[in-house]
Amino acid sequence: MRMTPQEFLRWDAKRITLLGMSGVGKTTLANKLPKAEWFHYSGDYRIGTKYLEEPILDNIKRQAMQVPFLRDLLRSDSIYICSNITVENLAPIATFLGKVGDPAQGGLPLAEFKRRQALHRQAEIAAMLDVPEFIDKAREIYGYRHFVNDAGGSVCELDAPEVLETLAEHTLILYLKTTPELEQTLIERARRNPKPLYYREEFLDRQLAEFLAERGYASADQIPPDEFVAWVFPRLFHSRLPRYQAIADRYGYVIDASEAAKVRDEQDFLQLVADSLAAKEAPSRNE
């Protein structure tokens, strides 16, 4: 979706998609918009509560069944298990994704890890294709005037053109671009606290082969899970940046993450977006 700054500011029912790395500030920015006016659609929340709900619960139950006390209660239907996923707490999704590596250290065998990665990809595609339906629901059922799609950090990895076409048709796509300072913060955070991640299979295979050769492990089952995630995150980070930029170049606009962090309220947000649209408009006028 393309428009001038003036068209955006006059747009009566604004529909925004926020793209960018996890941790760059998408959810923080969305939460600064008035909750009475803006419907906050979280791609990750939709994934966890709809498309991966059963696999997530099965994974939790599988772990619980290894505890005799819980196993007996589950088998007798004396207790039930549910996940309490919220927009701010997506831990059950991360727990399901897991980390490839030595099972004795909490890792997943490579085949199982790839199976879960494939399920996550399918779920993320489905969650993004749901955006038009939720735009209508937000307005017709709940009475929200505006809509913001807080997309997951791995949308750029999906290699699913229909997702980007759908988002571009129904929303204004904004890419929150990291600054060098924020980049180092995110990389250091990942090193201190490695978290499960989604990888394109081709990228995963290439990085795993290099990691095994560099560290001298014979197979993926010998890898300390946290060691691999901490090692691969900077590579994943830098591989995603040109993908995000390509999406913005073709379909949307760029917002500097440091400027987004200064946003205090809706008015600041709207002005920031209008400035981004104007910045992209300027070079074309000068050509």
C-alpha atoms as a PDB file:
ATOM      1  CA  MET A   1       0.000   0.000   0.000  1.00  0.00           C
ATOM      2  CA  ARG A   2       1.370   3.384  -1.052  1.00  0.00           C
ATOM      3  CA  MET A   3       0.118   6.829  -0.098  1.00  0.00           C
ATOM      4  CA  THR A   4       1.253  10.378   0.453  1.00  0.00           C
ATOM      5  CA  PRO A   5       1.732  11.797   3.962  1.00  0.00           C
ATOM      6  CA  GLN A   6      -1.429  13.838   3.508  1.00  0.00           C
ATOM      7  CA  GLU A   7      -3.430  10.779   2.429  1.00  0.00           C
ATOM      8  CA  PHE A   8      -2.145   8.871   5.449  1.00  0.00           C
ATOM      9  CA  LEU A   9      -3.059  11.585   7.927  1.00  0.00           C
ATOM     10  CA  ARG A  10      -6.540  11.877   6.400  1.00  0.00           C
ATOM     11  CA  TRP A  11      -7.004   8.090   6.334  1.00  0.00           C
ATOM     12  CA  ASP A  12     -10.077   7.526   8.479  1.00  0.00           C
ATOM     13  CA  ALA A  13      -9.449   3.842   9.278  1.00  0.00           C
ATOM     14  CA  LYS A  14      -5.705   3.325   9.434  1.00  0.00           C
ATOM     15  CA  ARG A  15      -4.298  -0.184   8.954  1.00  0.00           C
ATOM     16  CA  ILE A  16      -0.619  -0.696   9.796  1.00  0.00           C
ATOM     17  CA  THR A  17       1.769  -3.671   9.714  1.00  0.00           C
ATOM     18  CA  LEU A  18       4.911  -3.372  11.841  1.00  0.00           C
ATOM     19  CA  LEU A  19       7.886  -5.453  10.676  1.00  0.00           C
ATOM     20  CA  GLY A  20      11.299  -5.923  12.239  1.00  0.00           C
ATOM     21  CA  MET A  21      13.508  -8.102  14.389  1.00  0.00           C
ATOM     22  CA  SER A  22      12.160  -9.346  17.692  1.00  0.00           C
ATOM     23  CA  GLY A  23      13.232  -6.877  20.332  1.00  0.00           C
ATOM     24  CA  VAL A  24      13.352  -3.886  17.997  1.00  0.00           C
ATOM     25  CA  GLY A  25      10.299  -2.296  19.623  1.00  0.00           C
ATOM     26  CA  LYS A  26       7.260  -3.288  17.542  1.00  0.00           C
ATOM     27  CA  THR A  27       5.095  -4.355  20.482  1.00  0.00           C
ATOM     28  CA  THR A  28       6.225  -1.404  22.602  1.00  0.00           C
ATOM     29  CA  LEU A  29       5.269   0.946  19.789  1.00  0.00           C
ATOM     30  CA  ALA A  30       1.889  -0.724  19.247  1.00  0.00           C
ATOM     31  CA  ASN A  31       1.142  -0.479  22.962  1.00  0.00           C
ATOM     32  CA  LYS A  32       1.551   3.310  22.853  1.00  0.00           C
ATOM     33  CA  LEU A  33      -1.497   3.618  20.621  1.00  0.00           C
ATOM     34  CA  PRO A  34      -4.868   4.197  22.328  1.00  0.00           C
ATOM     35  CA  LYS A  35      -6.348   0.799  23.107  1.00  0.00           C
ATOM     36  CA  ALA A  36      -9.871   2.147  22.688  1.00  0.00           C
ATOM     37  CA  GLU A  37      -9.158   3.119  19.065  1.00  0.00           C
ATOM     38  CA  TRP A  38      -6.549   0.630  17.826  1.00  0.00           C
ATOM     39  CA  PHE A  39      -7.014  -3.127  17.507  1.00  0.00           C
ATOM     40  CA  HIS A  40      -3.661  -4.754  18.304  1.00  0.00           C
ATOM     41  CA  TYR A  41      -3.245  -7.923  16.231  1.00  0.00           C
ATOM     42  CA  SER A  42      -0.254  -9.982  17.374  1.00  0.00           C
ATOM     43  CA  GLY A  43       0.956 -12.501  14.815  1.00  0.00           C
ATOM     44  CA  ASP A  44       2.750 -14.518  17.479  1.00  0.00           C
ATOM     45  CA  TYR A  45      -0.326 -14.553  19.709  1.00  0.00           C
ATOM     46  CA  ARG A  46      -2.441 -15.832  16.824  1.00  0.00           C
ATOM     47  CA  ILE A  47       0.140 -18.524  16.100  1.00  0.00           C
ATOM     48  CA  GLY A  48       0.182 -19.713  19.691  1.00  0.00           C
ATOM     49  CA  THR A  49      -3.535 -19.614  20.393  1.00  0.00           C
ATOM     50  CA  LYS A  50      -4.790 -20.912  17.042  1.00  0.00           C
ATOM     51  CA  TYR A  51      -2.373 -22.642  14.713  1.00  0.00           C
ATOM     52  CA  LEU A  52       0.100 -24.135  17.195  1.00  0.00           C
ATOM     53  CA  GLU A  53      -2.236 -24.483  20.154  1.00  0.00           C
ATOM     54  CA  GLU A  54      -2.497 -28.268  19.963  1.00  0.00           C
ATOM     55  CA  PRO A  55       1.202 -28.973  19.254  1.00  0.00           C
ATOM     56  CA  ILE A  56       2.165 -26.631  22.118  1.00  0.00           C
ATOM     57  CA  LEU A  57      -0.169 -28.414  24.543  1.00  0.00           C
ATOM     58  CA  ASP A  58       0.975 -31.832  23.334  1.00  0.00           C
ATOM     59  CA  ASN A  59       4.563 -30.824  24.030  1.00  0.00           C
ATOM     60  CA  ILE A  60       3.682 -29.691  27.561  1.00  0.00           C
ATOM     61  CA  LYS A  61       1.686 -32.866  28.221  1.00  0.00           C
ATOM     62  CA  ARG A  62       4.535 -34.999  26.932  1.00  0.00           C
ATOM     63  CA  GLN A  63       6.824 -33.437  29.505  1.00  0.00           C
ATOM     64  CA  ALA A  64       4.229 -33.746  32.268  1.00  0.00           C
ATOM     65  CA  MET A  65       3.716 -37.444  31.532  1.00  0.00           C
ATOM     66  CA  GLN A  66       7.332 -38.060  32.508  1.00  0.00           C
ATOM     67  CA  VAL A  67       6.465 -37.065  36.087  1.00  0.00           C
ATOM     68  CA  PRO A  68       4.640 -40.000  37.752  1.00  0.00           C
ATOM     69  CA  PHE A  69       2.538 -37.781  39.996  1.00  0.00           C
ATOM     70  CA  LEU A  70       1.283 -35.684  37.063  1.00  0.00           C
ATOM     71  CA  ARG A  71       0.970 -38.680  34.747  1.00  0.00           C
ATOM     72  CA  ASP A  72      -1.543 -40.395  37.013  1.00  0.00           C
ATOM     73  CA  LEU A  73      -3.599 -37.231  37.372  1.00  0.00           C
ATOM     74  CA  LEU A  74      -3.626 -36.595  33.625  1.00  0.00           C
ATOM     75  CA  ARG A  75      -4.569 -40.173  32.775  1.00  0.00           C
ATOM     76  CA  SER A  76      -7.490 -40.051  35.214  1.00  0.00           C
ATOM     77  CA  ASP A  77      -8.639 -36.660  33.872  1.00  0.00           C
ATOM     78  CA  SER A  78      -8.151 -35.204  37.351  1.00  0.00           C
ATOM     79  CA  ILE A  79      -6.276 -32.233  35.964  1.00  0.00           C
ATOM     80  CA  TYR A  80      -6.011 -30.536  32.618  1.00  0.00           C
ATOM     81  CA  ILE A  81      -3.243 -28.481  31.077  1.00  0.00           C
ATOM     82  CA  CYS A  82      -3.597 -25.216  29.186  1.00  0.00           C
ATOM     83  CA  SER A  83      -1.130 -22.551  28.117  1.00  0.00           C
ATOM     84  CA  ASN A  84      -1.569 -18.952  29.216  1.00  0.00           C
ATOM     85  CA  ILE A  85      -0.279 -17.175  26.124  1.00  0.00           C
ATOM     86  CA  THR A  86      -0.613 -13.403  26.031  1.00  0.00           C
ATOM     87  CA  VAL A  87       0.764 -10.732  23.721  1.00  0.00           C
ATOM     88  CA  GLU A  88       3.404 -10.010  26.369  1.00  0.00           C
ATOM     89  CA  ASN A  89       4.057 -13.662  27.293  1.00  0.00           C
ATOM     90  CA  LEU A  90       4.843 -15.908  24.338  1.00  0.00           C
ATOM     91  CA  ALA A  91       7.006 -18.361  26.260  1.00  0.00           C
ATOM     92  CA  PRO A  92       4.904 -21.443  25.348  1.00  0.00           C
ATOM     93  CA  ILE A  93       5.643 -20.832  21.657  1.00  0.00           C
ATOM     94  CA  ALA A  94       9.370 -20.535  22.308  1.00  0.00           C
ATOM     95  CA  THR A  95       9.291 -23.666  24.453  1.00  0.00           C
ATOM     96  CA  PHE A  96       7.642 -25.576  21.625  1.00  0.00           C
ATOM     97  CA  LEU A  97      10.130 -24.342  19.018  1.00  0.00           C
ATOM     98  CA  GLY A  98      13.002 -25.435  21.221  1.00  0.00           C
ATOM     99  CA  LYS A  99      16.675 -25.535  20.293  1.00  0.00           C
ATOM    100  CA  VAL A 100      18.540 -28.084  18.228  1.00  0.00           C
ATOM    101  CA  GLY A 101      21.179 -30.021  20.117  1.00  0.00           C
ATOM    102  CA  ASP A 102      22.002 -32.599  22.761  1.00  0.00           C
ATOM    103  CA  PRO A 103      18.754 -33.970  24.282  1.00  0.00           C
ATOM    104  CA  ALA A 104      20.565 -34.489  27.585  1.00  0.00           C
ATOM    105  CA  GLN A 105      21.038 -30.713  27.717  1.00  0.00           C
ATOM    106  CA  GLY A 106      17.467 -29.932  26.737  1.00  0.00           C
ATOM    107  CA  GLY A 107      18.034 -29.901  22.987  1.00  0.00           C
ATOM    108  CA  LEU A 108      15.956 -31.442  20.233  1.00  0.00           C
ATOM    109  CA  PRO A 109      17.090 -34.021  17.664  1.00  0.00           C
ATOM    110  CA  LEU A 110      17.562 -32.374  14.291  1.00  0.00           C
ATOM    111  CA  ALA A 111      14.626 -34.145  12.620  1.00  0.00           C
ATOM    112  CA  GLU A 112      12.211 -33.142  15.399  1.00  0.00           C
ATOM    113  CA  PHE A 113      13.573 -29.608  15.443  1.00  0.00           C
ATOM    114  CA  LYS A 114      12.980 -29.265  11.702  1.00  0.00           C
ATOM    115  CA  ARG A 115       9.463 -30.688  12.058  1.00  0.00           C
ATOM    116  CA  ARG A 116       8.616 -27.992  14.592  1.00  0.00           C
ATOM    117  CA  GLN A 117      10.237 -25.324  12.439  1.00  0.00           C
ATOM    118  CA  ALA A 118       8.026 -26.380   9.516  1.00  0.00           C
ATOM    119  CA  LEU A 119       4.917 -26.232  11.703  1.00  0.00           C
ATOM    120  CA  HIS A 120       5.866 -22.744  12.845  1.00  0.00           C
ATOM    121  CA  ARG A 121       6.352 -21.563   9.265  1.00  0.00           C
ATOM    122  CA  GLN A 122       2.925 -22.871   8.241  1.00  0.00           C
ATOM    123  CA  ALA A 123       1.376 -21.253  11.324  1.00  0.00           C
ATOM    124  CA  GLU A 124       3.007 -17.885  10.684  1.00  0.00           C
ATOM    125  CA  ILE A 125       1.869 -17.860   7.068  1.00  0.00           C
ATOM    126  CA  ALA A 126      -1.694 -18.665   8.154  1.00  0.00           C
ATOM    127  CA  ALA A 127      -1.626 -15.988  10.891  1.00  0.00           C
ATOM    128  CA  MET A 128      -0.532 -13.302   8.418  1.00  0.00           C
ATOM    129  CA  LEU A 129      -3.126 -14.369   5.849  1.00  0.00           C
ATOM    130  CA  ASP A 130      -5.737 -13.906   8.603  1.00  0.00           C
ATOM    131  CA  VAL A 131      -5.006 -10.166   8.793  1.00  0.00           C
ATOM    132  CA  PRO A 132      -7.736  -9.038   6.328  1.00  0.00           C
ATOM    133  CA  GLU A 133     -10.343 -11.073   8.213  1.00  0.00           C
ATOM    134  CA  PHE A 134      -9.298  -9.533  11.520  1.00  0.00           C
ATOM    135  CA  ILE A 135      -9.358  -6.032  10.064  1.00  0.00           C
ATOM    136  CA  ASP A 136     -13.035  -6.631   9.297  1.00  0.00           C
ATOM    137  CA  LYS A 137     -13.689  -8.261  12.681  1.00  0.00           C
ATOM    138  CA  ALA A 138     -12.009  -5.450  14.568  1.00  0.00           C
ATOM    139  CA  ARG A 139     -14.282  -2.897  12.916  1.00  0.00           C
ATOM    140  CA  GLU A 140     -17.570  -4.775  12.532  1.00  0.00           C
ATOM    141  CA  ILE A 141     -17.643  -6.784  15.780  1.00  0.00           C
ATOM    142  CA  TYR A 142     -15.572  -4.780  18.232  1.00  0.00           C
ATOM    143  CA  GLY A 143     -15.946  -1.278  16.852  1.00  0.00           C
ATOM    144  CA  TYR A 144     -12.234  -0.439  16.546  1.00  0.00           C
ATOM    145  CA  ARG A 145     -11.405   2.399  14.218  1.00  0.00           C
ATOM    146  CA  HIS A 146      -7.773   1.544  13.473  1.00  0.00           C
ATOM    147  CA  PHE A 147      -5.734  -1.664  13.181  1.00  0.00           C
ATOM    148  CA  VAL A 148      -2.078  -2.480  13.850  1.00  0.00           C
ATOM    149  CA  ASN A 149      -0.547  -5.811  12.881  1.00  0.00           C
ATOM    150  CA  ASP A 150       2.400  -6.589  15.173  1.00  0.00           C
ATOM    151  CA  ALA A 151       4.121  -9.158  12.943  1.00  0.00           C
ATOM    152  CA  GLY A 152       6.607 -11.739  14.179  1.00  0.00           C
ATOM    153  CA  GLY A 153      10.316 -11.253  13.667  1.00  0.00           C
ATOM    154  CA  SER A 154      10.544 -14.144  11.218  1.00  0.00           C
ATOM    155  CA  VAL A 155       8.006 -12.908   8.635  1.00  0.00           C
ATOM    156  CA  CYS A 156      10.894 -11.986   6.343  1.00  0.00           C
ATOM    157  CA  GLU A 157      12.044 -15.632   6.413  1.00  0.00           C
ATOM    158  CA  LEU A 158       8.852 -17.217   5.108  1.00  0.00           C
ATOM    159  CA  ASP A 159       9.552 -16.987   1.369  1.00  0.00           C
ATOM    160  CA  ALA A 160       5.789 -16.803   0.879  1.00  0.00           C
ATOM    161  CA  PRO A 161       4.962 -14.039  -1.637  1.00  0.00           C
ATOM    162  CA  GLU A 162       1.247 -14.353  -0.928  1.00  0.00           C
ATOM    163  CA  VAL A 163       1.850 -13.144   2.628  1.00  0.00           C
ATOM    164  CA  LEU A 164       3.578  -9.936   1.560  1.00  0.00           C
ATOM    165  CA  GLU A 165       1.065  -9.308  -1.215  1.00  0.00           C
ATOM    166  CA  THR A 166      -1.807  -9.694   1.254  1.00  0.00           C
ATOM    167  CA  LEU A 167      -0.227  -7.425   3.850  1.00  0.00           C
ATOM    168  CA  ALA A 168       0.641  -4.803   1.231  1.00  0.00           C
ATOM    169  CA  GLU A 169      -2.876  -4.850  -0.183  1.00  0.00           C
ATOM    170  CA  HIS A 170      -4.619  -4.400   3.152  1.00  0.00           C
ATOM    171  CA  THR A 171      -2.122  -2.510   5.328  1.00  0.00           C
ATOM    172  CA  LEU A 172       0.611   0.094   5.260  1.00  0.00           C
ATOM    173  CA  ILE A 173       3.853  -1.813   5.903  1.00  0.00           C
ATOM    174  CA  LEU A 174       6.387  -0.147   8.205  1.00  0.00           C
ATOM    175  CA  TYR A 175       9.828  -1.656   8.770  1.00  0.00           C
ATOM    176  CA  LEU A 176      11.414  -0.688  12.093  1.00  0.00           C
ATOM    177  CA  LYS A 177      15.069  -0.551  11.144  1.00  0.00           C
ATOM    178  CA  THR A 178      17.639  -1.216  13.847  1.00  0.00           C
ATOM    179  CA  THR A 179      20.380   1.227  14.685  1.00  0.00           C
ATOM    180  CA  PRO A 180      24.000   0.056  15.189  1.00  0.00           C
ATOM    181  CA  GLU A 181      23.597   0.605  18.940  1.00  0.00           C
ATOM    182  CA  LEU A 182      20.384  -1.426  19.122  1.00  0.00           C
ATOM    183  CA  GLU A 183      21.934  -4.103  16.935  1.00  0.00           C
ATOM    184  CA  GLN A 184      24.727  -4.624  19.444  1.00  0.00           C
ATOM    185  CA  THR A 185      22.222  -4.645  22.307  1.00  0.00           C
ATOM    186  CA  LEU A 186      20.118  -7.368  20.664  1.00  0.00           C
ATOM    187  CA  ILE A 187      23.163  -9.480  19.802  1.00  0.00           C
ATOM    188  CA  GLU A 188      24.567  -9.185  23.320  1.00  0.00           C
ATOM    189  CA  ARG A 189      21.159 -10.036  24.786  1.00  0.00           C
ATOM    190  CA  ALA A 190      20.996 -13.159  22.634  1.00  0.00           C
ATOM    191  CA  ARG A 191      24.451 -14.210  23.787  1.00  0.00           C
ATOM    192  CA  ARG A 192      23.527 -13.805  27.453  1.00  0.00           C
ATOM    193  CA  ASN A 193      20.100 -15.392  27.136  1.00  0.00           C
ATOM    194  CA  PRO A 194      19.828 -17.530  23.980  1.00  0.00           C
ATOM    195  CA  LYS A 195      16.207 -18.062  22.947  1.00  0.00           C
ATOM    196  CA  PRO A 196      14.571 -20.402  20.430  1.00  0.00           C
ATOM    197  CA  LEU A 197      14.486 -19.016  16.912  1.00  0.00           C
ATOM    198  CA  TYR A 198      12.982 -19.752  13.522  1.00  0.00           C
ATOM    199  CA  TYR A 199      15.396 -20.428  10.643  1.00  0.00           C
ATOM    200  CA  ARG A 200      14.942 -21.045   6.961  1.00  0.00           C
ATOM    201  CA  GLU A 201      15.973 -24.668   6.451  1.00  0.00           C
ATOM    202  CA  GLU A 202      18.647 -23.803   3.890  1.00  0.00           C
ATOM    203  CA  PHE A 203      20.151 -21.246   6.291  1.00  0.00           C
ATOM    204  CA  LEU A 204      19.992 -23.715   9.208  1.00  0.00           C
ATOM    205  CA  ASP A 205      21.716 -26.491   7.268  1.00  0.00           C
ATOM    206  CA  ARG A 206      24.527 -24.203   6.143  1.00  0.00           C
ATOM    207  CA  GLN A 207      25.118 -22.712   9.588  1.00  0.00           C
ATOM    208  CA  LEU A 208      24.950 -26.069  11.363  1.00  0.00           C
ATOM    209  CA  ALA A 209      27.572 -27.521   9.029  1.00  0.00           C
ATOM    210  CA  GLU A 210      29.882 -24.576   9.668  1.00  0.00           C
ATOM    211  CA  PHE A 211      29.313 -24.689  13.436  1.00  0.00           C
ATOM    212  CA  LEU A 212      30.021 -28.438  13.619  1.00  0.00           C
ATOM    213  CA  ALA A 213      33.230 -28.033  11.636  1.00  0.00           C
ATOM    214  CA  GLU A 214      34.395 -25.023  13.650  1.00  0.00           C
ATOM    215  CA  ARG A 215      33.642 -26.507  17.079  1.00  0.00           C
ATOM    216  CA  GLY A 216      34.554 -30.110  16.324  1.00  0.00           C
ATOM    217  CA  TYR A 217      31.197 -31.751  17.091  1.00  0.00           C
ATOM    218  CA  ALA A 218      30.455 -34.952  15.196  1.00  0.00           C
ATOM    219  CA  SER A 219      26.708 -34.381  14.879  1.00  0.00           C
ATOM    220  CA  ALA A 220      23.908 -32.017  15.815  1.00  0.00           C
ATOM    221  CA  ASP A 221      22.965 -34.295  18.728  1.00  0.00           C
ATOM    222  CA  GLN A 222      26.240 -33.364  20.447  1.00  0.00           C
ATOM    223  CA  ILE A 223      25.691 -29.613  20.260  1.00  0.00           C
ATOM    224  CA  PRO A 224      25.060 -27.674  23.474  1.00  0.00           C
ATOM    225  CA  PRO A 225      21.802 -25.947  22.452  1.00  0.00           C
ATOM    226  CA  ASP A 226      22.562 -22.547  23.969  1.00  0.00           C
ATOM    227  CA  GLU A 227      26.040 -22.516  22.461  1.00  0.00           C
ATOM    228  CA  PHE A 228      24.690 -22.860  18.942  1.00  0.00           C
ATOM    229  CA  VAL A 229      21.946 -20.250  19.376  1.00  0.00           C
ATOM    230  CA  ALA A 230      24.388 -17.694  20.788  1.00  0.00           C
ATOM    231  CA  TRP A 231      26.806 -18.411  17.930  1.00  0.00           C
ATOM    232  CA  VAL A 232      24.253 -18.277  15.130  1.00  0.00           C
ATOM    233  CA  PHE A 233      22.185 -15.264  16.242  1.00  0.00           C
ATOM    234  CA  PRO A 234      24.472 -12.533  14.806  1.00  0.00           C
ATOM    235  CA  ARG A 235      24.503 -14.421  11.494  1.00  0.00           C
ATOM    236  CA  LEU A 236      20.735 -14.767  11.508  1.00  0.00           C
ATOM    237  CA  PHE A 237      20.366 -11.108  12.439  1.00  0.00           C
ATOM    238  CA  HIS A 238      22.509  -9.893   9.566  1.00  0.00           C
ATOM    239  CA  SER A 239      20.897 -12.283   7.104  1.00  0.00           C
ATOM    240  CA  ARG A 240      17.480 -10.836   7.909  1.00  0.00           C
ATOM    241  CA  LEU A 241      18.355  -7.169   7.504  1.00  0.00           C
ATOM    242  CA  PRO A 242      18.494  -7.159   3.678  1.00  0.00           C
ATOM    243  CA  ARG A 243      15.296  -9.212   3.587  1.00  0.00           C
ATOM    244  CA  TYR A 244      13.448  -6.631   5.666  1.00  0.00           C
ATOM    245  CA  GLN A 245      14.882  -3.833   3.553  1.00  0.00           C
ATOM    246  CA  ALA A 246      13.774  -5.544   0.336  1.00  0.00           C
ATOM    247  CA  ILE A 247      10.229  -5.795   1.712  1.00  0.00           C
ATOM    248  CA  ALA A 248      10.234  -2.120   2.637  1.00  0.00           C
ATOM    249  CA  ASP A 249      11.661  -1.113  -0.741  1.00  0.00           C
ATOM    250  CA  ARG A 250       8.990  -2.989  -2.641  1.00  0.00           C
ATOM    251  CA  TYR A 251       5.956  -2.775  -0.402  1.00  0.00           C
ATOM    252  CA  GLY A 252       6.366  -0.243   2.373  1.00  0.00           C
ATOM    253  CA  TYR A 253       8.374   2.287   4.316  1.00  0.00           C
ATOM    254  CA  VAL A 254      11.242   2.478   6.802  1.00  0.00           C
ATOM    255  CA  ILE A 255      11.114   3.894  10.327  1.00  0.00           C
ATOM    256  CA  ASP A 256      14.282   4.320  12.357  1.00  0.00           C
ATOM    257  CA  ALA A 257      13.938   2.265  15.546  1.00  0.00           C
ATOM    258  CA  SER A 258      15.602   5.006  17.600  1.00  0.00           C
ATOM    259  CA  GLU A 259      12.925   7.456  16.423  1.00  0.00           C
ATOM    260  CA  ALA A 260      10.196   4.923  17.158  1.00  0.00           C
ATOM    261  CA  ALA A 261      11.529   4.612  20.704  1.00  0.00           C
ATOM    262  CA  LYS A 262      10.870   8.342  21.226  1.00  0.00           C
ATOM    263  CA  VAL A 263       7.173   8.008  20.403  1.00  0.00           C
ATOM    264  CA  ARG A 264       5.050   8.967  23.410  1.00  0.00           C
ATOM    265  CA  ASP A 265       1.538   8.765  22.050  1.00  0.00           C
ATOM    266  CA  GLU A 266      -0.648   8.409  18.961  1.00  0.00           C
ATOM    267  CA  GLN A 267       0.116  11.886  17.679  1.00  0.00           C
ATOM    268  CA  ASP A 268       3.859  11.213  17.789  1.00  0.00           C
ATOM    269  CA  PHE A 269       3.285   7.905  15.984  1.00  0.00           C
ATOM    270  CA  LEU A 270       1.201   9.439  13.210  1.00  0.00           C
ATOM    271  CA  GLN A 271       3.754  12.183  12.652  1.00  0.00           C
ATOM    272  CA  LEU A 272       6.588   9.655  12.544  1.00  0.00           C
ATOM    273  CA  VAL A 273       4.773   7.621   9.893  1.00  0.00           C
ATOM    274  CA  ALA A 274       3.948  10.727   7.866  1.00  0.00           C
ATOM    275  CA  ASP A 275       7.620  11.761   7.976  1.00  0.00           C
ATOM    276  CA  SER A 276       8.625   8.293   6.748  1.00  0.00           C
ATOM    277  CA  LEU A 277       6.213   8.538   3.828  1.00  0.00           C
ATOM    278  CA  ALA A 278       7.516  11.990   2.982  1.00  0.00           C
ATOM    279  CA  ALA A 279      11.125  10.778   3.063  1.00  0.00           C
ATOM    280  CA  LYS A 280      10.377   8.082   0.520  1.00  0.00           C
ATOM    281  CA  GLU A 281       8.394  10.496  -1.603  1.00  0.00           C
ATOM    282  CA  ALA A 282      11.189  13.067  -1.776  1.00  0.00           C
ATOM    283  CA  PRO A 283      13.772  11.081  -3.851  1.00  0.00           C
ATOM    284  CA  SER A 284      11.131  10.185  -6.463  1.00  0.00           C
ATOM    285  CA  ARG A 285      10.237  13.873  -6.881  1.00  0.00           C
ATOM    286  CA  ASN A 286      13.892  14.727  -7.465  1.00  0.00           C
ATOM    287  CA  GLU A 287      14.575  12.045 -10.064  1.00  0.00           C
END
